[in-house]
């Protein structure tokens, strides 16, 4: 049986109609969050990759929105980061910035969905949410997007 290293069932799920609709609905705000955090690492090498997000920038985002809790640890985030980047490790990429150590936007949104699935989907499903896409949409709307918006404002205020 194939190992399905590049596209597992979750990767394929990301291209289904309902999930695409959720991502389209939140695209503008998610793009703004991605762009902001992709530019937060001041490390020498990171200064040249402002259109991608590395693990340090992702960790900053997760800390800022208070993602980590008893159900969700940094190892879960790292696992999702590696999972969405596995094809970058195995195959040569057209975009030279799309490396195994950097997320492009499409990988970022898949990673967010995976984070939701690991962190909050089990409780949402128990509470009666029937579809992961609906739970993810609600999670983005009620938790992630507002928390990221507040975090970005706070970071901008600290910079000023």
C-alpha atoms as a PDB file:
ATOM      1  CA  UNK A   1       0.000   0.000   0.000  1.00  0.00           C
ATOM      2  CA  UNK A   2       1.225   3.524  -0.782  1.00  0.00           C
ATOM      3  CA  UNK A   3       2.652   5.492   2.102  1.00  0.00           C
ATOM      4  CA  UNK A   4       0.843   8.628   0.899  1.00  0.00           C
ATOM      5  CA  UNK A   5       3.687  10.815   2.084  1.00  0.00           C
ATOM      6  CA  UNK A   6       2.790  13.784  -0.080  1.00  0.00           C
ATOM      7  CA  UNK A   7      -1.014  13.850  -0.086  1.00  0.00           C
ATOM      8  CA  UNK A   8      -2.741  12.165   2.799  1.00  0.00           C
ATOM      9  CA  UNK A   9      -6.527  12.123   3.189  1.00  0.00           C
ATOM     10  CA  UNK A  10      -6.457  15.482   4.977  1.00  0.00           C
ATOM     11  CA  UNK A  11      -4.505  17.138   2.139  1.00  0.00           C
ATOM     12  CA  UNK A  12      -7.081  15.828  -0.319  1.00  0.00           C
ATOM     13  CA  UNK A  13      -9.900  17.001   1.975  1.00  0.00           C
ATOM     14  CA  UNK A  14      -8.539  20.568   1.736  1.00  0.00           C
ATOM     15  CA  UNK A  15      -9.541  20.723  -1.944  1.00  0.00           C
ATOM     16  CA  UNK A  16     -13.149  19.649  -1.390  1.00  0.00           C
ATOM     17  CA  UNK A  17     -15.878  22.172  -2.192  1.00  0.00           C
ATOM     18  CA  UNK A  18     -17.000  22.956   1.368  1.00  0.00           C
ATOM     19  CA  UNK A  19     -13.453  23.523   2.651  1.00  0.00           C
ATOM     20  CA  UNK A  20     -12.563  25.653  -0.371  1.00  0.00           C
ATOM     21  CA  UNK A  21     -15.639  27.787   0.386  1.00  0.00           C
ATOM     22  CA  UNK A  22     -14.500  28.292   4.006  1.00  0.00           C
ATOM     23  CA  UNK A  23     -11.002  29.282   2.875  1.00  0.00           C
ATOM     24  CA  UNK A  24     -12.398  31.612   0.222  1.00  0.00           C
ATOM     25  CA  UNK A  25     -14.668  33.285   2.790  1.00  0.00           C
ATOM     26  CA  UNK A  26     -11.700  34.086   5.052  1.00  0.00           C
ATOM     27  CA  UNK A  27      -9.010  34.497   2.388  1.00  0.00           C
ATOM     28  CA  UNK A  28      -8.445  38.242   2.746  1.00  0.00           C
ATOM     29  CA  UNK A  29      -7.997  38.152   6.531  1.00  0.00           C
ATOM     30  CA  UNK A  30      -5.955  34.933   6.486  1.00  0.00           C
ATOM     31  CA  UNK A  31      -3.664  36.403   3.823  1.00  0.00           C
ATOM     32  CA  UNK A  32      -3.134  39.493   5.986  1.00  0.00           C
ATOM     33  CA  UNK A  33      -2.247  37.350   8.997  1.00  0.00           C
ATOM     34  CA  UNK A  34       0.086  35.193   6.915  1.00  0.00           C
ATOM     35  CA  UNK A  35       1.828  38.222   5.395  1.00  0.00           C
ATOM     36  CA  UNK A  36       2.238  39.898   8.779  1.00  0.00           C
ATOM     37  CA  UNK A  37       3.735  36.883  10.542  1.00  0.00           C
ATOM     38  CA  UNK A  38       5.871  35.904   7.536  1.00  0.00           C
ATOM     39  CA  UNK A  39       7.680  39.191   8.132  1.00  0.00           C
ATOM     40  CA  UNK A  40       8.229  38.903  11.910  1.00  0.00           C
ATOM     41  CA  UNK A  41      11.454  36.871  12.061  1.00  0.00           C
ATOM     42  CA  UNK A  42      14.456  39.185  12.088  1.00  0.00           C
ATOM     43  CA  UNK A  43      17.034  36.406  11.741  1.00  0.00           C
ATOM     44  CA  UNK A  44      19.560  37.070   8.947  1.00  0.00           C
ATOM     45  CA  UNK A  45      18.275  34.307   6.637  1.00  0.00           C
ATOM     46  CA  UNK A  46      14.596  35.079   7.357  1.00  0.00           C
ATOM     47  CA  UNK A  47      15.007  38.676   6.182  1.00  0.00           C
ATOM     48  CA  UNK A  48      15.173  37.380   2.618  1.00  0.00           C
ATOM     49  CA  UNK A  49      12.032  35.215   2.777  1.00  0.00           C
ATOM     50  CA  UNK A  50       9.238  37.658   3.573  1.00  0.00           C
ATOM     51  CA  UNK A  51       6.673  35.776   1.472  1.00  0.00           C
ATOM     52  CA  UNK A  52       6.984  32.552   3.486  1.00  0.00           C
ATOM     53  CA  UNK A  53       6.569  31.616   7.134  1.00  0.00           C
ATOM     54  CA  UNK A  54       9.164  29.620   9.033  1.00  0.00           C
ATOM     55  CA  UNK A  55       8.719  27.580  12.218  1.00  0.00           C
ATOM     56  CA  UNK A  56       9.845  30.491  14.398  1.00  0.00           C
ATOM     57  CA  UNK A  57       7.260  32.831  12.870  1.00  0.00           C
ATOM     58  CA  UNK A  58       4.562  30.157  13.189  1.00  0.00           C
ATOM     59  CA  UNK A  59       5.473  29.576  16.833  1.00  0.00           C
ATOM     60  CA  UNK A  60       5.175  33.317  17.451  1.00  0.00           C
ATOM     61  CA  UNK A  61       1.717  33.321  15.883  1.00  0.00           C
ATOM     62  CA  UNK A  62       0.590  30.320  17.929  1.00  0.00           C
ATOM     63  CA  UNK A  63       1.913  31.871  21.132  1.00  0.00           C
ATOM     64  CA  UNK A  64       0.303  35.224  20.318  1.00  0.00           C
ATOM     65  CA  UNK A  65      -3.149  33.686  19.795  1.00  0.00           C
ATOM     66  CA  UNK A  66      -2.702  31.394  22.816  1.00  0.00           C
ATOM     67  CA  UNK A  67      -3.043  28.164  20.818  1.00  0.00           C
ATOM     68  CA  UNK A  68      -1.051  26.045  23.227  1.00  0.00           C
ATOM     69  CA  UNK A  69      -3.001  24.388  26.013  1.00  0.00           C
ATOM     70  CA  UNK A  70      -3.360  20.985  27.693  1.00  0.00           C
ATOM     71  CA  UNK A  71      -4.802  19.447  24.499  1.00  0.00           C
ATOM     72  CA  UNK A  72      -2.401  21.096  22.066  1.00  0.00           C
ATOM     73  CA  UNK A  73       1.364  21.381  22.533  1.00  0.00           C
ATOM     74  CA  UNK A  74       4.226  22.705  20.441  1.00  0.00           C
ATOM     75  CA  UNK A  75       4.955  19.142  19.259  1.00  0.00           C
ATOM     76  CA  UNK A  76       1.492  19.092  17.598  1.00  0.00           C
ATOM     77  CA  UNK A  77       2.317  22.311  15.773  1.00  0.00           C
ATOM     78  CA  UNK A  78       5.704  20.958  14.652  1.00  0.00           C
ATOM     79  CA  UNK A  79       4.075  17.729  13.472  1.00  0.00           C
ATOM     80  CA  UNK A  80       1.592  19.688  11.329  1.00  0.00           C
ATOM     81  CA  UNK A  81       4.391  21.916   9.994  1.00  0.00           C
ATOM     82  CA  UNK A  82       6.388  18.871   8.884  1.00  0.00           C
ATOM     83  CA  UNK A  83       3.291  17.178   7.417  1.00  0.00           C
ATOM     84  CA  UNK A  84       2.350  20.099   5.146  1.00  0.00           C
ATOM     85  CA  UNK A  85       5.969  20.539   4.073  1.00  0.00           C
ATOM     86  CA  UNK A  86       6.791  16.908   3.251  1.00  0.00           C
ATOM     87  CA  UNK A  87       6.491  17.452  -0.509  1.00  0.00           C
ATOM     88  CA  UNK A  88       8.988  20.321  -0.293  1.00  0.00           C
ATOM     89  CA  UNK A  89      11.508  17.857   1.115  1.00  0.00           C
ATOM     90  CA  UNK A  90      10.837  15.153  -1.483  1.00  0.00           C
ATOM     91  CA  UNK A  91      10.451  17.166  -4.697  1.00  0.00           C
ATOM     92  CA  UNK A  92      12.080  20.179  -6.279  1.00  0.00           C
ATOM     93  CA  UNK A  93       9.750  23.169  -6.012  1.00  0.00           C
ATOM     94  CA  UNK A  94       9.014  25.729  -8.742  1.00  0.00           C
ATOM     95  CA  UNK A  95       9.120  28.542  -6.171  1.00  0.00           C
ATOM     96  CA  UNK A  96      12.598  28.554  -4.642  1.00  0.00           C
ATOM     97  CA  UNK A  97      11.233  30.063  -1.396  1.00  0.00           C
ATOM     98  CA  UNK A  98       8.907  27.060  -0.992  1.00  0.00           C
ATOM     99  CA  UNK A  99      11.305  24.905   0.991  1.00  0.00           C
ATOM    100  CA  UNK A 100      10.919  22.266   3.667  1.00  0.00           C
ATOM    101  CA  UNK A 101      11.636  24.924   6.302  1.00  0.00           C
ATOM    102  CA  UNK A 102       9.129  27.518   5.039  1.00  0.00           C
ATOM    103  CA  UNK A 103       5.349  27.628   4.557  1.00  0.00           C
ATOM    104  CA  UNK A 104       3.743  29.206   1.528  1.00  0.00           C
ATOM    105  CA  UNK A 105       0.178  30.483   1.922  1.00  0.00           C
ATOM    106  CA  UNK A 106      -1.551  27.260   0.759  1.00  0.00           C
ATOM    107  CA  UNK A 107       0.505  25.238   3.234  1.00  0.00           C
ATOM    108  CA  UNK A 108      -0.307  27.767   5.960  1.00  0.00           C
ATOM    109  CA  UNK A 109      -4.078  27.387   5.575  1.00  0.00           C
ATOM    110  CA  UNK A 110      -3.788  23.598   5.459  1.00  0.00           C
ATOM    111  CA  UNK A 111      -1.681  23.773   8.606  1.00  0.00           C
ATOM    112  CA  UNK A 112      -4.333  25.915  10.331  1.00  0.00           C
ATOM    113  CA  UNK A 113      -7.006  23.363   9.445  1.00  0.00           C
ATOM    114  CA  UNK A 114      -4.803  20.585  10.819  1.00  0.00           C
ATOM    115  CA  UNK A 115      -4.210  22.581  14.008  1.00  0.00           C
ATOM    116  CA  UNK A 116      -7.951  23.037  14.418  1.00  0.00           C
ATOM    117  CA  UNK A 117      -8.544  19.338  13.786  1.00  0.00           C
ATOM    118  CA  UNK A 118      -6.021  18.377  16.472  1.00  0.00           C
ATOM    119  CA  UNK A 119      -6.882  21.075  19.019  1.00  0.00           C
ATOM    120  CA  UNK A 120     -10.628  21.750  18.937  1.00  0.00           C
ATOM    121  CA  UNK A 121     -12.414  19.444  16.486  1.00  0.00           C
ATOM    122  CA  UNK A 122     -12.847  16.553  18.977  1.00  0.00           C
ATOM    123  CA  UNK A 123     -14.746  18.826  21.409  1.00  0.00           C
ATOM    124  CA  UNK A 124     -16.738  20.507  18.629  1.00  0.00           C
ATOM    125  CA  UNK A 125     -17.768  17.125  17.210  1.00  0.00           C
ATOM    126  CA  UNK A 126     -18.880  15.971  20.671  1.00  0.00           C
ATOM    127  CA  UNK A 127     -20.873  19.223  21.006  1.00  0.00           C
ATOM    128  CA  UNK A 128     -22.803  18.435  17.824  1.00  0.00           C
ATOM    129  CA  UNK A 129     -20.891  20.016  14.944  1.00  0.00           C
ATOM    130  CA  UNK A 130     -21.376  17.569  12.070  1.00  0.00           C
ATOM    131  CA  UNK A 131     -18.772  18.713   9.557  1.00  0.00           C
ATOM    132  CA  UNK A 132     -15.144  19.594  10.162  1.00  0.00           C
ATOM    133  CA  UNK A 133     -15.464  22.434   7.636  1.00  0.00           C
ATOM    134  CA  UNK A 134     -18.273  24.010   9.665  1.00  0.00           C
ATOM    135  CA  UNK A 135     -16.278  23.680  12.870  1.00  0.00           C
ATOM    136  CA  UNK A 136     -13.186  25.127  11.192  1.00  0.00           C
ATOM    137  CA  UNK A 137     -15.218  28.066   9.859  1.00  0.00           C
ATOM    138  CA  UNK A 138     -16.644  28.711  13.329  1.00  0.00           C
ATOM    139  CA  UNK A 139     -13.175  28.349  14.922  1.00  0.00           C
ATOM    140  CA  UNK A 140     -11.694  30.849  12.474  1.00  0.00           C
ATOM    141  CA  UNK A 141     -14.567  33.293  13.003  1.00  0.00           C
ATOM    142  CA  UNK A 142     -14.873  33.038  16.781  1.00  0.00           C
ATOM    143  CA  UNK A 143     -11.346  32.232  17.938  1.00  0.00           C
ATOM    144  CA  UNK A 144      -8.434  32.401  15.530  1.00  0.00           C
ATOM    145  CA  UNK A 145      -9.148  35.489  13.412  1.00  0.00           C
ATOM    146  CA  UNK A 146     -10.099  37.758  16.342  1.00  0.00           C
ATOM    147  CA  UNK A 147      -7.137  36.527  18.415  1.00  0.00           C
ATOM    148  CA  UNK A 148      -4.720  37.037  15.518  1.00  0.00           C
ATOM    149  CA  UNK A 149      -6.154  40.498  14.868  1.00  0.00           C
ATOM    150  CA  UNK A 150      -5.598  41.490  18.496  1.00  0.00           C
ATOM    151  CA  UNK A 151      -2.089  40.036  18.444  1.00  0.00           C
ATOM    152  CA  UNK A 152      -1.151  41.955  15.294  1.00  0.00           C
ATOM    153  CA  UNK A 153      -2.438  45.213  16.803  1.00  0.00           C
ATOM    154  CA  UNK A 154      -0.432  44.539  19.954  1.00  0.00           C
ATOM    155  CA  UNK A 155       2.751  43.790  17.989  1.00  0.00           C
ATOM    156  CA  UNK A 156       2.313  46.938  15.871  1.00  0.00           C
ATOM    157  CA  UNK A 157       1.772  49.026  18.991  1.00  0.00           C
ATOM    158  CA  UNK A 158       4.959  47.617  20.555  1.00  0.00           C
ATOM    159  CA  UNK A 159       6.918  48.443  17.380  1.00  0.00           C
ATOM    160  CA  UNK A 160       5.694  52.043  17.296  1.00  0.00           C
END
